[in-house]
Amino acid sequence: MAEETYFVKSKVANKYDVYIGDNIPFYWPALNFVADSLCEYFSEEQELNCLEIGSGSANLSITVSKHIKIKSLQLLDHSAAFLEVAKQKIAETPSLPVPMLKHASFLSDDWQNDIEPNSLDVILSSLTLDHITEDEEFLVLLKKLYGLLKKGGCFVTAEKCASSDSATPSWQSFAKMIHIRGENNLKNNFKTPTEIEAWKQHNFHEDILRPFADVWTLAEKAGFTVEYAGGAPLPEPENLNYETFYQLNKIKLFERQEVFSSDQAYGVGILICKK
């Protein structure tokens, strides 16, 4: 397992929300897709017990809370700086209860020891599971999450998805996306050149890419059934540039066959999975 170092920094945590929605055109559409899907899935009015792993500044939990009622919320992140940002934001969010903050990593063996099995309704994750190096370790985590959910509960994952083979068009589209976002960061003074290089180092060397179909397969192996799938597919590398990337502001629904028919890169691939 690869523990990342970029997002533990206080400077990164405090600046994250300033630029992230402008730097990733499908960022807020992706969070809203998750919230809308969960609202449809949990159509009967009820209060839900929720855990967000790798929560960052809790944007996903906050967005979801505007669509479904959350009874209890636990936030897990290995960055104390991000947990502090999340705590401050949730204190200003009337739809959320006071969260339990867990300063730990889901890459550790014991982070879930104080959570009762079969006790959660929803487990959320976004842009965080790409720190898991081996598929076997990914599967172990998914099975752990499966065990924490009630029957009928939902697990959500939203990740960058592409081939890890740098010779493929899939990886090349991913790499081009990172360079375009770096250009945007510089153009809008979101980051300094030094910060952009550190951020690229994180994306190219700390994050682990998987094709969307591989994430789907691992979820099924853990016992989950995919209820909703969506994403922001990236154009082929020769068709991807600054202008075309910043037009990717919608999330498309996908059937299983579409996802498994190619190794297309996705700026984000989203699965809402049922236990």
Protein backbone atom coordinates (compact mmCIF):
# COMPACT_ATOMS: atom_id res chain seq x y z
CA MET A 1 0.00 0.00 0.00
CA ALA A 2 1.20 3.49 -0.84
CA GLU A 3 0.52 6.18 1.76
CA GLU A 4 0.39 9.52 -0.01
CA THR A 5 2.12 12.60 1.40
CA TYR A 6 0.83 15.50 -0.69
CA PHE A 7 -2.60 15.99 0.91
CA VAL A 8 -1.41 15.87 4.54
CA LYS A 9 -0.02 19.39 4.25
CA SER A 10 -1.92 22.22 5.95
CA LYS A 11 -1.31 24.59 3.04
CA VAL A 12 -2.87 22.11 0.61
CA ALA A 13 -5.88 21.51 2.86
CA ASN A 14 -6.56 25.20 3.40
CA LYS A 15 -6.40 26.03 -0.33
CA TYR A 16 -8.22 22.95 -1.66
CA ASP A 17 -11.79 24.26 -1.75
CA VAL A 18 -10.67 27.57 -3.26
CA TYR A 19 -9.74 26.00 -6.58
CA ILE A 20 -10.98 22.41 -6.88
CA GLY A 21 -14.34 23.14 -8.52
CA ASP A 22 -12.72 25.47 -11.06
CA ASN A 23 -9.83 23.12 -11.73
CA ILE A 24 -11.97 20.00 -12.31
CA PRO A 25 -15.02 20.85 -14.47
CA PHE A 26 -16.90 17.67 -13.46
CA TYR A 27 -16.06 17.87 -9.74
CA TRP A 28 -19.37 19.27 -8.48
CA PRO A 29 -21.44 17.43 -11.11
CA ALA A 30 -19.88 14.18 -9.84
CA LEU A 31 -20.77 14.93 -6.21
CA ASN A 32 -24.29 15.90 -7.23
CA PHE A 33 -24.62 12.70 -9.28
CA VAL A 34 -23.77 10.70 -6.15
CA ALA A 35 -26.23 12.70 -4.03
CA ASP A 36 -29.04 12.39 -6.59
CA SER A 37 -28.45 8.65 -6.97
CA LEU A 38 -28.51 8.07 -3.22
CA CYS A 39 -31.66 10.17 -2.90
CA GLU A 40 -33.34 7.96 -5.50
CA TYR A 41 -32.01 4.77 -3.91
CA PHE A 42 -33.11 5.76 -0.39
CA SER A 43 -36.45 7.07 -1.64
CA GLU A 44 -38.27 6.36 1.60
CA GLU A 45 -37.62 9.11 4.12
CA GLN A 46 -35.23 7.92 6.81
CA GLU A 47 -32.17 8.98 8.77
CA LEU A 48 -28.97 7.28 7.71
CA ASN A 49 -25.70 6.41 9.42
CA CYS A 50 -22.86 7.53 7.18
CA LEU A 51 -19.08 7.11 7.00
CA GLU A 52 -16.82 8.93 4.55
CA ILE A 53 -13.33 7.48 4.13
CA GLY A 54 -10.56 9.69 2.84
CA SER A 55 -13.02 12.50 3.50
CA GLY A 56 -10.76 15.46 2.78
CA SER A 57 -12.76 18.63 3.32
CA ALA A 58 -16.04 16.64 3.43
CA ASN A 59 -17.46 18.07 0.22
CA LEU A 60 -19.11 14.75 -0.65
CA SER A 61 -20.78 14.32 2.75
CA ILE A 62 -22.01 17.91 2.72
CA THR A 63 -23.43 17.55 -0.80
CA VAL A 64 -25.14 14.25 0.05
CA SER A 65 -26.65 15.74 3.22
CA LYS A 66 -28.63 18.21 1.11
CA HIS A 67 -30.47 15.30 -0.52
CA ILE A 68 -30.82 12.67 2.22
CA LYS A 69 -31.10 12.90 6.01
CA ILE A 70 -27.93 11.87 7.82
CA LYS A 71 -28.39 10.73 11.41
CA SER A 72 -24.74 10.17 12.24
CA LEU A 73 -21.53 10.97 10.36
CA GLN A 74 -18.00 9.67 10.74
CA LEU A 75 -15.15 11.22 8.78
CA LEU A 76 -11.95 9.24 8.30
CA ASP A 77 -8.82 10.88 6.93
CA HIS A 78 -5.11 10.57 7.58
CA SER A 79 -4.67 14.35 7.23
CA ALA A 80 -5.34 16.23 10.46
CA ALA A 81 -5.31 19.45 8.44
CA PHE A 82 -8.14 18.29 6.19
CA LEU A 83 -10.18 17.02 9.14
CA GLU A 84 -9.94 20.46 10.73
CA VAL A 85 -11.20 22.10 7.52
CA ALA A 86 -14.03 19.54 7.35
CA LYS A 87 -14.98 20.15 10.99
CA GLN A 88 -15.27 23.90 10.42
CA LYS A 89 -17.38 23.47 7.28
CA ILE A 90 -19.76 20.94 8.83
CA ALA A 91 -20.30 23.25 11.79
CA GLU A 92 -21.77 25.68 9.25
CA THR A 93 -23.96 22.99 7.60
CA PRO A 94 -27.36 22.74 9.37
CA SER A 95 -28.25 19.48 7.60
CA LEU A 96 -25.38 17.57 9.25
CA PRO A 97 -24.87 16.38 12.82
CA VAL A 98 -21.61 16.95 14.66
CA PRO A 99 -19.29 14.38 13.06
CA MET A 100 -17.03 11.87 14.71
CA LEU A 101 -13.56 12.62 13.36
CA LYS A 102 -11.21 9.68 12.88
CA HIS A 103 -7.60 10.72 12.27
CA ALA A 104 -6.41 7.49 10.69
CA SER A 105 -5.82 5.89 7.32
CA PHE A 106 -8.01 3.27 5.69
CA LEU A 107 -4.71 1.65 4.69
CA SER A 108 -4.17 0.65 8.34
CA ASP A 109 -5.48 -2.65 9.70
CA ASP A 110 -7.51 -1.38 12.65
CA TRP A 111 -9.20 1.88 11.66
CA GLN A 112 -12.64 0.20 11.70
CA ASN A 113 -12.34 -1.57 15.06
CA ASP A 114 -14.71 0.82 16.84
CA ILE A 115 -17.42 0.53 14.16
CA GLU A 116 -20.02 -2.18 14.66
CA PRO A 117 -20.43 -4.63 11.76
CA ASN A 118 -23.66 -4.18 9.78
CA SER A 119 -24.23 -0.75 11.34
CA LEU A 120 -23.80 1.73 8.47
CA ASP A 121 -26.25 2.76 5.77
CA VAL A 122 -23.81 4.61 3.52
CA ILE A 123 -20.03 4.57 3.02
CA LEU A 124 -18.69 7.35 0.80
CA SER A 125 -15.32 7.71 -0.89
CA SER A 126 -14.07 10.04 -3.60
CA LEU A 127 -10.62 10.57 -5.12
CA THR A 128 -8.99 8.52 -2.38
CA LEU A 129 -8.88 4.77 -3.14
CA ASP A 130 -6.15 5.29 -5.72
CA HIS A 131 -3.58 5.00 -2.92
CA ILE A 132 -4.01 1.22 -2.82
CA THR A 133 -1.22 -0.48 -4.75
CA GLU A 134 -2.37 -4.09 -5.19
CA ASP A 135 -5.77 -5.37 -6.31
CA GLU A 136 -5.70 -7.90 -3.46
CA GLU A 137 -5.37 -5.08 -0.93
CA PHE A 138 -8.14 -3.17 -2.68
CA LEU A 139 -10.37 -6.23 -2.39
CA VAL A 140 -9.56 -6.64 1.32
CA LEU A 141 -10.67 -3.06 1.94
CA LEU A 142 -13.87 -3.50 -0.07
CA LYS A 143 -14.76 -6.64 1.89
CA LYS A 144 -14.12 -4.73 5.11
CA LEU A 145 -16.48 -1.97 3.96
CA TYR A 146 -19.05 -4.58 2.92
CA GLY A 147 -19.00 -5.99 6.44
CA LEU A 148 -19.66 -2.58 8.01
CA LEU A 149 -22.78 -1.93 5.93
CA LYS A 150 -26.29 -3.01 6.75
CA LYS A 151 -28.02 -5.23 4.22
CA GLY A 152 -29.31 -2.86 1.57
CA GLY A 153 -26.70 -0.25 2.46
CA CYS A 154 -24.67 1.58 -0.19
CA PHE A 155 -20.98 2.02 -0.87
CA VAL A 156 -19.91 4.84 -3.19
CA THR A 157 -16.61 5.18 -5.00
CA ALA A 158 -15.59 7.98 -7.36
CA GLU A 159 -12.06 7.75 -8.76
CA LYS A 160 -9.84 8.73 -11.65
CA CYS A 161 -9.80 5.64 -13.86
CA ALA A 162 -7.37 4.71 -16.63
CA SER A 163 -4.86 2.10 -17.69
CA SER A 164 -1.61 2.18 -15.72
CA ASP A 165 0.34 1.33 -18.91
CA SER A 166 1.94 4.53 -20.18
CA ALA A 167 1.99 3.14 -23.74
CA THR A 168 -1.81 3.11 -23.96
CA PRO A 169 -4.11 5.93 -25.16
CA SER A 170 -5.99 5.53 -21.87
CA TRP A 171 -2.97 6.48 -19.76
CA GLN A 172 -1.98 9.19 -22.22
CA SER A 173 -5.41 10.83 -21.86
CA PHE A 174 -5.02 10.72 -18.08
CA ALA A 175 -1.53 12.27 -18.30
CA LYS A 176 -2.79 14.97 -20.63
CA MET A 177 -5.60 15.76 -18.18
CA ILE A 178 -3.06 16.27 -15.39
CA HIS A 179 -0.93 18.59 -17.52
CA ILE A 180 -4.04 20.58 -18.57
CA ARG A 181 -5.11 20.94 -14.94
CA GLY A 182 -1.57 22.04 -14.11
CA GLU A 183 -1.84 24.71 -16.80
CA ASN A 184 -5.16 25.82 -15.30
CA ASN A 185 -3.65 25.98 -11.81
CA LEU A 186 -0.89 28.24 -13.10
CA LYS A 187 -3.15 30.38 -15.30
CA ASN A 188 -5.50 31.15 -12.40
CA ASN A 189 -2.80 31.46 -9.72
CA PHE A 190 -4.27 28.51 -7.81
CA LYS A 191 -0.79 27.07 -7.27
CA THR A 192 2.80 28.20 -7.74
CA PRO A 193 5.04 26.37 -10.24
CA THR A 194 6.73 24.56 -7.35
CA GLU A 195 3.37 23.49 -5.92
CA ILE A 196 2.24 22.28 -9.35
CA GLU A 197 5.32 20.09 -9.69
CA ALA A 198 4.67 18.57 -6.24
CA TRP A 199 1.03 17.99 -7.23
CA LYS A 200 2.08 16.30 -10.49
CA GLN A 201 4.51 14.13 -8.55
CA HIS A 202 1.58 13.03 -6.39
CA ASN A 203 -0.62 12.20 -9.38
CA PHE A 204 2.01 10.36 -11.37
CA HIS A 205 3.85 8.55 -8.57
CA GLU A 206 1.67 8.32 -5.44
CA ASP A 207 -1.69 7.62 -7.09
CA ILE A 208 -2.33 4.16 -8.55
CA LEU A 209 -4.48 4.03 -11.69
CA ARG A 210 -7.01 1.30 -12.46
CA PRO A 211 -9.38 0.97 -15.41
CA PHE A 212 -13.00 1.63 -14.51
CA ALA A 213 -13.87 -1.99 -15.36
CA ASP A 214 -11.27 -3.23 -12.86
CA VAL A 215 -12.79 -1.16 -10.04
CA TRP A 216 -16.24 -2.51 -11.01
CA THR A 217 -14.93 -6.10 -11.02
CA LEU A 218 -13.32 -5.72 -7.59
CA ALA A 219 -16.57 -4.29 -6.17
CA GLU A 220 -18.46 -7.33 -7.47
CA LYS A 221 -15.84 -9.71 -6.07
CA ALA A 222 -16.35 -8.11 -2.66
CA GLY A 223 -20.06 -8.96 -2.88
CA PHE A 224 -21.48 -5.63 -4.03
CA THR A 225 -24.07 -5.11 -6.77
CA VAL A 226 -23.64 -1.96 -8.83
CA GLU A 227 -26.90 0.03 -8.82
CA TYR A 228 -25.70 3.15 -10.65
CA ALA A 229 -22.60 3.86 -12.71
CA GLY A 230 -21.58 7.20 -14.12
CA GLY A 231 -18.53 9.09 -15.15
CA ALA A 232 -16.76 11.75 -17.15
CA PRO A 233 -15.00 9.89 -19.98
CA LEU A 234 -11.89 11.58 -21.33
CA PRO A 235 -11.47 12.07 -25.08
CA GLU A 236 -8.67 10.25 -26.89
CA PRO A 237 -5.34 12.00 -26.25
CA GLU A 238 -5.23 13.59 -29.72
CA ASN A 239 -8.65 15.17 -29.07
CA LEU A 240 -7.97 16.30 -25.52
CA ASN A 241 -6.85 19.87 -24.98
CA TYR A 242 -7.55 22.75 -22.60
CA GLU A 243 -10.80 23.72 -24.34
CA THR A 244 -12.22 20.19 -24.70
CA PHE A 245 -11.32 19.27 -21.11
CA TYR A 246 -13.09 22.26 -19.61
CA GLN A 247 -16.25 21.34 -21.50
CA LEU A 248 -16.49 18.07 -19.50
CA ASN A 249 -18.99 19.42 -16.99
CA LYS A 250 -21.57 16.62 -17.04
CA ILE A 251 -21.70 13.08 -15.67
CA LYS A 252 -22.94 10.40 -18.05
CA LEU A 253 -24.73 7.22 -17.02
CA PHE A 254 -23.12 3.94 -18.09
CA GLU A 255 -24.19 0.34 -18.39
CA ARG A 256 -21.78 -2.43 -17.45
CA GLN A 257 -21.18 -3.48 -21.06
CA GLU A 258 -20.12 0.04 -22.06
CA VAL A 259 -17.54 0.25 -19.30
CA PHE A 260 -16.13 -3.22 -19.96
CA SER A 261 -15.90 -2.79 -23.73
CA SER A 262 -12.81 -0.55 -23.61
CA ASP A 263 -10.10 0.77 -21.30
CA GLN A 264 -11.16 4.38 -21.87
CA ALA A 265 -9.87 6.87 -19.35
CA TYR A 266 -12.32 8.63 -17.05
CA GLY A 267 -11.67 11.89 -15.28
CA VAL A 268 -13.94 10.30 -12.71
CA GLY A 269 -15.66 6.92 -12.68
CA ILE A 270 -18.49 6.57 -10.15
CA LEU A 271 -20.10 3.42 -8.75
CA ILE A 272 -23.00 3.33 -6.31
CA CYS A 273 -22.98 -0.23 -4.97
CA LYS A 274 -25.57 -2.12 -2.94
CA LYS A 275 -24.93 -4.72 -0.25
